N, C-alpha and C. Protein backbone atom coordinates (compact mmCIF):
# COMPACT_ATOMS: atom_id res chain seq x y z
N MET A 1 1.45 0.16 24.60
CA MET A 1 2.85 0.65 24.87
C MET A 1 4.08 -0.20 24.47
N ARG A 2 3.61 -1.73 24.79
CA ARG A 2 4.72 -2.74 24.29
C ARG A 2 4.85 -2.90 22.67
N PHE A 3 3.80 -2.33 22.09
CA PHE A 3 3.98 -2.30 20.27
C PHE A 3 5.00 -1.13 20.06
N THR A 4 5.43 -0.19 21.02
CA THR A 4 6.41 0.79 20.61
C THR A 4 7.57 0.42 21.35
N ARG A 5 7.66 0.11 22.51
CA ARG A 5 8.78 -0.46 23.25
C ARG A 5 9.48 -1.63 22.65
N THR A 6 8.74 -2.53 21.88
CA THR A 6 9.47 -3.70 21.28
C THR A 6 10.38 -3.30 20.37
N PRO A 7 9.76 -2.48 19.22
CA PRO A 7 10.61 -1.94 18.01
C PRO A 7 11.56 -1.16 18.73
N LEU A 8 11.48 -0.40 19.69
CA LEU A 8 12.50 0.71 20.40
C LEU A 8 13.69 -0.21 20.73
N ALA A 9 13.45 -1.21 21.56
CA ALA A 9 14.58 -2.20 21.94
C ALA A 9 15.14 -2.84 20.87
N ALA A 10 14.63 -3.00 19.62
CA ALA A 10 15.54 -3.82 18.69
C ALA A 10 16.37 -2.83 17.90
N HIS A 11 16.29 -1.59 18.03
CA HIS A 11 17.14 -0.59 17.21
C HIS A 11 18.78 -1.02 17.31
N ASP A 12 19.16 -1.52 16.13
CA ASP A 12 20.46 -1.97 16.08
C ASP A 12 21.21 -1.74 14.62
N VAL A 13 21.70 -0.59 14.62
CA VAL A 13 22.25 -0.21 13.38
C VAL A 13 23.25 -1.26 12.92
N ALA A 14 23.99 -1.52 13.68
CA ALA A 14 25.04 -2.58 13.30
C ALA A 14 24.53 -3.97 12.91
N ALA A 15 23.35 -4.32 13.27
CA ALA A 15 22.71 -5.45 12.78
C ALA A 15 21.70 -5.13 11.63
N GLY A 16 21.84 -4.13 11.12
CA GLY A 16 20.97 -3.34 10.03
C GLY A 16 19.38 -3.21 10.38
N ARG A 17 19.19 -3.00 11.49
CA ARG A 17 17.90 -2.64 12.21
C ARG A 17 17.71 -1.17 12.74
N VAL A 18 16.87 -0.29 11.97
CA VAL A 18 16.86 1.02 12.34
C VAL A 18 15.36 1.08 12.75
N VAL A 19 14.98 1.96 14.22
CA VAL A 19 13.81 2.28 14.52
C VAL A 19 13.46 3.91 14.57
N VAL A 20 12.67 4.27 13.90
CA VAL A 20 12.44 5.90 13.89
C VAL A 20 11.14 6.34 14.79
N HIS A 21 11.33 7.06 15.66
CA HIS A 21 10.37 7.60 16.52
C HIS A 21 10.22 8.92 15.90
N PRO A 22 9.25 9.23 14.85
CA PRO A 22 9.30 10.56 13.93
C PRO A 22 8.73 11.59 14.91
N THR A 23 9.25 12.99 14.63
CA THR A 23 8.57 14.03 14.92
C THR A 23 7.47 14.21 14.13
N VAL A 24 6.37 14.40 14.63
CA VAL A 24 4.92 14.67 13.85
C VAL A 24 4.88 16.22 13.57
N THR A 25 4.85 16.41 12.35
CA THR A 25 4.35 17.93 12.14
C THR A 25 3.27 17.84 11.15
N GLY A 26 2.45 18.87 10.79
CA GLY A 26 1.51 18.89 9.79
C GLY A 26 1.83 18.48 8.42
N SER A 27 3.03 18.99 8.07
CA SER A 27 3.56 18.45 6.85
C SER A 27 4.53 17.23 6.75
N GLY A 28 4.95 16.74 7.91
CA GLY A 28 5.59 15.40 8.08
C GLY A 28 6.99 15.69 7.24
N ARG A 29 7.35 17.04 7.22
CA ARG A 29 8.60 17.18 6.46
C ARG A 29 9.76 16.76 7.16
N LEU A 30 9.83 16.44 8.60
CA LEU A 30 10.89 16.20 9.15
C LEU A 30 11.15 14.78 9.41
N LEU A 31 10.31 13.95 8.43
CA LEU A 31 10.72 12.31 8.54
C LEU A 31 12.02 12.02 8.13
N TRP A 32 12.26 12.43 6.79
CA TRP A 32 13.55 12.31 6.46
C TRP A 32 14.82 12.53 7.39
N HIS A 33 14.81 13.68 8.24
CA HIS A 33 15.73 14.30 9.22
C HIS A 33 15.75 12.98 10.36
N ASP A 34 14.42 12.72 10.60
CA ASP A 34 14.39 11.86 11.72
C ASP A 34 15.01 10.20 11.16
N VAL A 35 14.71 9.94 10.06
CA VAL A 35 15.39 8.70 9.71
C VAL A 35 17.07 8.78 9.53
N LEU A 36 17.44 10.01 9.12
CA LEU A 36 18.90 10.13 9.18
C LEU A 36 19.43 10.12 10.34
N ASP A 37 18.79 10.81 11.58
CA ASP A 37 19.23 10.74 13.13
C ASP A 37 19.28 9.49 13.50
N ALA A 38 18.22 8.52 13.14
CA ALA A 38 18.17 7.29 13.75
C ALA A 38 19.33 6.29 13.26
N VAL A 39 19.52 6.67 11.89
CA VAL A 39 20.71 5.78 11.16
C VAL A 39 22.02 6.12 11.87
N ALA A 40 22.13 7.55 11.99
CA ALA A 40 23.42 7.90 12.42
C ALA A 40 23.61 7.32 13.97
N ASP A 41 22.76 7.28 14.67
CA ASP A 41 22.57 6.62 15.96
C ASP A 41 23.83 7.10 17.02
N GLY A 42 23.88 8.67 16.81
CA GLY A 42 25.01 9.45 17.66
C GLY A 42 26.19 9.45 16.98
N ARG A 43 26.46 8.92 15.62
CA ARG A 43 27.56 9.09 14.87
C ARG A 43 27.45 10.07 13.80
N HIS A 44 28.59 10.70 13.17
CA HIS A 44 28.38 11.68 12.25
C HIS A 44 28.26 10.96 10.99
N LEU A 45 27.14 11.53 10.27
CA LEU A 45 27.15 10.95 8.78
C LEU A 45 27.30 11.84 7.80
N HIS A 46 27.68 11.82 6.75
CA HIS A 46 28.09 12.66 5.86
C HIS A 46 26.65 12.98 4.88
N ALA A 47 25.91 13.81 5.73
CA ALA A 47 24.79 14.06 5.04
C ALA A 47 24.53 15.53 4.64
N PRO A 48 23.68 16.11 3.58
CA PRO A 48 23.35 17.50 3.57
C PRO A 48 23.06 18.19 4.80
N ALA A 49 23.61 19.50 5.35
CA ALA A 49 23.48 19.87 6.57
C ALA A 49 22.83 21.41 6.17
N PRO A 50 22.11 21.81 6.80
CA PRO A 50 21.12 21.02 7.79
C PRO A 50 20.19 20.18 6.85
N ALA A 51 19.53 19.21 7.11
CA ALA A 51 18.91 18.07 6.17
C ALA A 51 17.44 18.70 6.58
N THR A 52 17.32 19.54 7.39
CA THR A 52 15.81 19.79 7.52
C THR A 52 15.41 21.10 6.52
N ARG A 53 16.61 21.96 5.90
CA ARG A 53 16.27 22.74 4.98
C ARG A 53 16.45 22.41 3.74
N SER A 54 16.98 21.25 3.48
CA SER A 54 17.21 20.51 2.27
C SER A 54 16.15 20.53 1.43
N ALA A 55 16.08 20.63 0.19
CA ALA A 55 14.82 20.05 -0.62
C ALA A 55 14.39 18.64 -0.40
N PRO A 56 13.08 18.35 -0.30
CA PRO A 56 12.77 17.01 0.28
C PRO A 56 13.44 15.77 -0.81
N GLN A 57 13.85 16.05 -2.10
CA GLN A 57 14.42 15.41 -2.85
C GLN A 57 15.89 15.10 -2.26
N GLU A 58 16.86 16.07 -1.82
CA GLU A 58 17.83 16.01 -1.40
C GLU A 58 17.75 15.38 -0.04
N GLN A 59 16.92 15.44 0.70
CA GLN A 59 16.53 14.73 1.96
C GLN A 59 16.47 13.25 1.71
N GLU A 60 15.84 12.99 0.97
CA GLU A 60 15.43 11.58 0.69
C GLU A 60 16.70 10.70 -0.20
N HIS A 61 17.43 11.60 -1.11
CA HIS A 61 18.62 11.17 -1.39
C HIS A 61 19.70 10.79 -0.39
N ALA A 62 19.75 11.73 0.80
CA ALA A 62 20.62 11.34 1.83
C ALA A 62 20.21 10.30 2.54
N VAL A 63 18.85 10.00 2.91
CA VAL A 63 18.42 8.73 3.30
C VAL A 63 18.87 7.79 2.69
N ARG A 64 18.60 7.48 1.39
CA ARG A 64 18.87 6.31 0.69
C ARG A 64 20.58 6.05 0.82
N ALA A 65 21.32 7.02 0.74
CA ALA A 65 22.55 7.07 0.77
C ALA A 65 23.15 6.38 2.08
N ALA A 66 22.47 6.98 3.28
CA ALA A 66 22.95 6.53 4.45
C ALA A 66 22.32 5.08 4.63
N LEU A 67 21.21 4.56 4.15
CA LEU A 67 20.61 3.29 4.30
C LEU A 67 21.57 2.08 3.70
N LYS A 68 22.15 2.75 2.59
CA LYS A 68 23.00 1.85 1.63
C LYS A 68 24.36 1.85 2.43
N ALA A 69 24.85 2.85 2.94
CA ALA A 69 26.26 2.82 3.62
C ALA A 69 26.20 1.96 4.84
N GLU A 70 25.26 1.95 5.60
CA GLU A 70 24.90 1.18 7.05
C GLU A 70 24.46 -0.05 6.67
N ALA A 71 23.91 -0.73 5.43
CA ALA A 71 23.70 -1.61 5.10
C ALA A 71 22.22 -2.05 6.08
N VAL A 72 21.22 -0.78 6.09
CA VAL A 72 20.05 -1.12 6.86
C VAL A 72 19.20 -2.09 5.99
N ARG A 73 18.59 -3.35 6.55
CA ARG A 73 17.81 -4.02 5.95
C ARG A 73 16.49 -3.97 6.22
N GLN A 74 16.16 -3.31 7.46
CA GLN A 74 14.80 -2.99 8.29
C GLN A 74 14.87 -1.74 8.96
N LEU A 75 13.89 -0.85 8.14
CA LEU A 75 13.52 0.37 8.70
C LEU A 75 12.17 0.50 9.48
N THR A 76 11.83 0.52 10.73
CA THR A 76 10.61 0.43 11.33
C THR A 76 10.39 2.03 11.76
N VAL A 77 9.22 2.69 11.40
CA VAL A 77 8.68 3.76 11.73
C VAL A 77 7.50 3.74 12.60
N LEU A 78 7.73 4.23 13.79
CA LEU A 78 6.77 4.26 14.87
C LEU A 78 5.71 5.53 14.40
N ARG A 79 4.64 5.52 15.19
CA ARG A 79 3.73 6.67 14.89
C ARG A 79 3.28 6.70 13.65
N ALA A 80 3.06 5.68 12.78
CA ALA A 80 2.72 5.77 11.67
C ALA A 80 1.38 6.26 11.06
N HIS A 81 0.63 6.04 12.21
CA HIS A 81 -0.79 6.77 12.30
C HIS A 81 -0.91 8.24 12.08
N ARG A 82 0.19 8.79 12.51
CA ARG A 82 0.26 10.45 12.59
C ARG A 82 0.97 10.94 11.28
N ILE A 83 1.51 10.04 10.41
CA ILE A 83 2.16 10.66 9.27
C ILE A 83 1.30 10.86 8.17
N ASP A 84 1.57 11.89 7.38
CA ASP A 84 0.69 12.17 6.33
C ASP A 84 0.60 11.26 5.25
N TRP A 85 -0.59 11.13 4.33
CA TRP A 85 -0.23 10.10 3.50
C TRP A 85 0.73 10.18 2.26
N GLY A 86 1.24 11.34 1.96
CA GLY A 86 2.27 11.74 1.23
C GLY A 86 3.70 11.06 1.79
N ARG A 87 3.92 11.13 2.81
CA ARG A 87 5.05 10.24 3.51
C ARG A 87 4.87 8.80 3.28
N TRP A 88 3.73 8.31 3.66
CA TRP A 88 3.37 6.57 3.50
C TRP A 88 3.91 6.34 1.99
N ALA A 89 3.57 7.17 1.25
CA ALA A 89 3.79 6.74 -0.27
C ALA A 89 5.31 6.86 -0.50
N ASP A 90 6.08 8.00 -0.07
CA ASP A 90 7.41 8.10 -0.06
C ASP A 90 8.17 6.90 0.59
N LEU A 91 7.57 6.58 1.76
CA LEU A 91 8.20 5.18 2.45
C LEU A 91 7.90 3.98 1.62
N VAL A 92 6.68 3.97 1.01
CA VAL A 92 6.53 2.45 -0.02
C VAL A 92 7.33 2.42 -1.05
N ASN A 93 7.64 3.90 -1.47
CA ASN A 93 8.56 3.72 -2.84
C ASN A 93 10.16 3.61 -2.48
N LEU A 94 10.39 3.95 -1.13
CA LEU A 94 11.71 3.85 -0.31
C LEU A 94 11.85 2.29 -0.30
N HIS A 95 10.84 1.57 0.01
CA HIS A 95 11.19 -0.05 0.18
C HIS A 95 11.24 -0.66 -1.27
N ARG A 96 10.32 -0.04 -2.11
CA ARG A 96 10.48 -0.58 -3.37
C ARG A 96 11.71 -0.21 -4.45
N THR A 97 12.40 0.60 -3.96
CA THR A 97 13.79 1.00 -4.84
C THR A 97 14.86 0.71 -4.00
N THR A 98 14.70 0.22 -2.65
CA THR A 98 15.99 -0.24 -1.83
C THR A 98 15.79 -1.60 -1.59
N GLN A 99 16.93 -2.05 -0.90
CA GLN A 99 16.59 -3.51 -0.22
C GLN A 99 16.27 -3.36 1.13
N THR A 100 15.70 -2.41 1.46
CA THR A 100 15.22 -2.21 2.90
C THR A 100 13.80 -2.53 2.98
N ASP A 101 13.55 -3.28 4.08
CA ASP A 101 12.13 -3.57 4.36
C ASP A 101 11.62 -2.25 5.31
N VAL A 102 10.56 -1.94 5.14
CA VAL A 102 9.94 -0.98 5.81
C VAL A 102 8.71 -1.46 6.74
N VAL A 103 8.55 -1.23 8.04
CA VAL A 103 7.94 -1.61 8.89
C VAL A 103 6.90 -0.47 9.46
N MET A 104 5.79 -0.21 9.42
CA MET A 104 5.31 0.81 9.68
C MET A 104 4.20 0.58 11.25
N VAL A 105 4.41 1.07 12.12
CA VAL A 105 3.71 0.72 13.28
C VAL A 105 2.50 1.90 13.46
N HIS A 106 1.32 1.26 13.01
CA HIS A 106 0.18 2.22 12.91
C HIS A 106 -0.87 1.73 13.93
N HIS A 107 -1.61 2.58 14.60
CA HIS A 107 -2.30 2.41 15.87
C HIS A 107 -3.85 2.84 15.67
N ALA A 108 -4.20 2.77 14.33
CA ALA A 108 -5.48 3.41 13.99
C ALA A 108 -5.97 2.61 12.62
N ILE A 109 -7.21 2.99 12.62
CA ILE A 109 -7.96 2.30 11.49
C ILE A 109 -7.34 3.05 10.02
N PRO A 110 -6.91 2.32 9.01
CA PRO A 110 -6.50 3.07 8.14
C PRO A 110 -7.56 3.98 7.31
N SER A 111 -7.03 4.84 6.75
CA SER A 111 -7.82 5.87 5.79
C SER A 111 -8.16 5.41 4.66
N PRO A 112 -8.97 5.90 4.06
CA PRO A 112 -9.40 5.25 2.66
C PRO A 112 -8.17 5.22 1.60
N ASP A 113 -7.60 6.45 1.67
CA ASP A 113 -6.29 6.70 0.68
C ASP A 113 -5.06 5.65 1.27
N LEU A 114 -5.03 5.37 2.41
CA LEU A 114 -3.93 4.40 2.78
C LEU A 114 -4.40 2.93 2.43
N THR A 115 -5.55 2.56 2.69
CA THR A 115 -5.91 1.24 2.11
C THR A 115 -5.89 1.22 0.66
N HIS A 116 -6.00 2.11 0.00
CA HIS A 116 -5.86 2.24 -1.41
C HIS A 116 -4.72 1.86 -1.63
N LEU A 117 -3.70 2.81 -1.22
CA LEU A 117 -2.12 2.54 -1.37
C LEU A 117 -1.54 1.04 -0.95
N LEU A 118 -2.00 0.57 0.30
CA LEU A 118 -1.65 -0.73 0.67
C LEU A 118 -2.26 -1.88 -0.30
N ARG A 119 -3.46 -1.51 -1.16
CA ARG A 119 -3.76 -2.52 -1.94
C ARG A 119 -2.81 -2.76 -3.16
N HIS A 120 -2.03 -1.59 -3.47
CA HIS A 120 -1.15 -1.73 -4.73
C HIS A 120 0.20 -2.12 -4.05
N CYS A 121 0.77 -2.68 -3.06
CA CYS A 121 1.88 -3.06 -2.73
C CYS A 121 1.84 -4.35 -1.66
N ASP A 122 3.05 -4.93 -1.89
CA ASP A 122 3.25 -6.06 -0.96
C ASP A 122 3.32 -5.64 0.45
N HIS A 123 2.39 -6.19 1.44
CA HIS A 123 2.21 -5.90 2.74
C HIS A 123 1.61 -6.92 3.60
N ARG A 124 1.87 -6.80 4.96
CA ARG A 124 1.19 -7.78 5.75
C ARG A 124 0.69 -7.02 7.04
N VAL A 125 -0.39 -7.31 7.65
CA VAL A 125 -0.85 -6.44 8.92
C VAL A 125 -0.45 -7.58 10.18
N ILE A 126 0.12 -7.02 11.04
CA ILE A 126 0.37 -7.91 12.13
C ILE A 126 -0.17 -7.35 13.45
N THR A 127 -1.13 -8.13 13.96
CA THR A 127 -2.00 -7.66 15.19
C THR A 127 -1.55 -8.23 16.53
N THR A 128 -0.46 -9.17 16.48
CA THR A 128 -0.16 -9.92 17.88
C THR A 128 1.27 -9.36 18.20
N HIS A 129 1.31 -9.28 19.45
CA HIS A 129 2.78 -8.86 20.17
C HIS A 129 3.73 -10.11 19.69
N ALA A 130 3.35 -11.41 19.74
CA ALA A 130 4.24 -12.31 19.34
C ALA A 130 4.75 -12.14 17.97
N ALA A 131 3.99 -11.73 17.05
CA ALA A 131 4.56 -11.44 15.48
C ALA A 131 5.35 -10.29 15.65
N LEU A 132 4.82 -9.18 16.16
CA LEU A 132 5.86 -8.01 16.20
C LEU A 132 7.02 -8.31 16.79
N ARG A 133 7.25 -9.04 17.85
CA ARG A 133 8.50 -9.50 18.96
C ARG A 133 9.31 -10.23 17.48
N SER A 134 8.83 -11.35 16.62
CA SER A 134 9.64 -11.91 15.65
C SER A 134 10.24 -11.17 14.76
N LEU A 135 9.63 -9.92 14.32
CA LEU A 135 10.29 -9.04 13.53
C LEU A 135 11.25 -8.05 14.22
N HIS A 136 11.07 -7.91 15.42
CA HIS A 136 12.05 -7.00 16.24
C HIS A 136 12.60 -7.66 17.46
N PRO A 137 13.71 -8.32 17.25
CA PRO A 137 14.38 -9.02 18.22
C PRO A 137 15.02 -7.80 18.91
N PRO A 138 15.31 -8.28 20.45
CA PRO A 138 16.11 -7.23 21.32
C PRO A 138 17.54 -6.87 20.52
N ALA A 139 17.95 -5.57 20.63
CA ALA A 139 19.14 -5.36 20.13
C ALA A 139 20.16 -6.44 20.50
N GLY A 140 21.14 -6.68 19.55
CA GLY A 140 22.10 -7.69 19.85
C GLY A 140 21.74 -9.01 19.56
N ALA A 141 20.43 -9.40 19.30
CA ALA A 141 20.00 -10.72 18.93
C ALA A 141 19.67 -10.88 17.54
N ALA A 142 19.99 -11.98 16.97
CA ALA A 142 19.66 -12.42 15.61
C ALA A 142 18.04 -12.17 15.57
N PRO A 143 17.37 -11.97 14.38
CA PRO A 143 16.10 -11.97 13.95
C PRO A 143 15.59 -13.41 14.20
N GLY A 144 14.40 -13.72 14.76
CA GLY A 144 13.56 -14.90 14.80
C GLY A 144 14.15 -15.60 16.35
N ASN A 145 14.89 -14.98 17.03
CA ASN A 145 15.36 -15.26 18.29
C ASN A 145 14.62 -14.75 19.32
């Protein structure tokens, strides 16, 4: 539970840290919409509406624009063990093509496909709560405090 609560307490759009607790469906198609909601943090963003009915490319474009507009440096996605492999690949691509660090909170043994994907990208595995806290300081605190 604390591996979920710690990142949630760090959600601070103004500090460039966004935490997403995604809606998990069979297709994972709501992930981009969930990211937009988390970046908006209760404010109105100029994104394609309704984002869930847009084509996946339009949803992803809206996410990229929102991350840039809000200067998001860290995007944490909870429940990553429930996200399909295609969404993982999309998030790895998002990291590679933006200035946003993507942190995935995954509570299961990685599948062979995920293991293969991770072999081909920079990543690190965090298994201690102290390491997680160092990545996710409470909202209003500077990273590393």
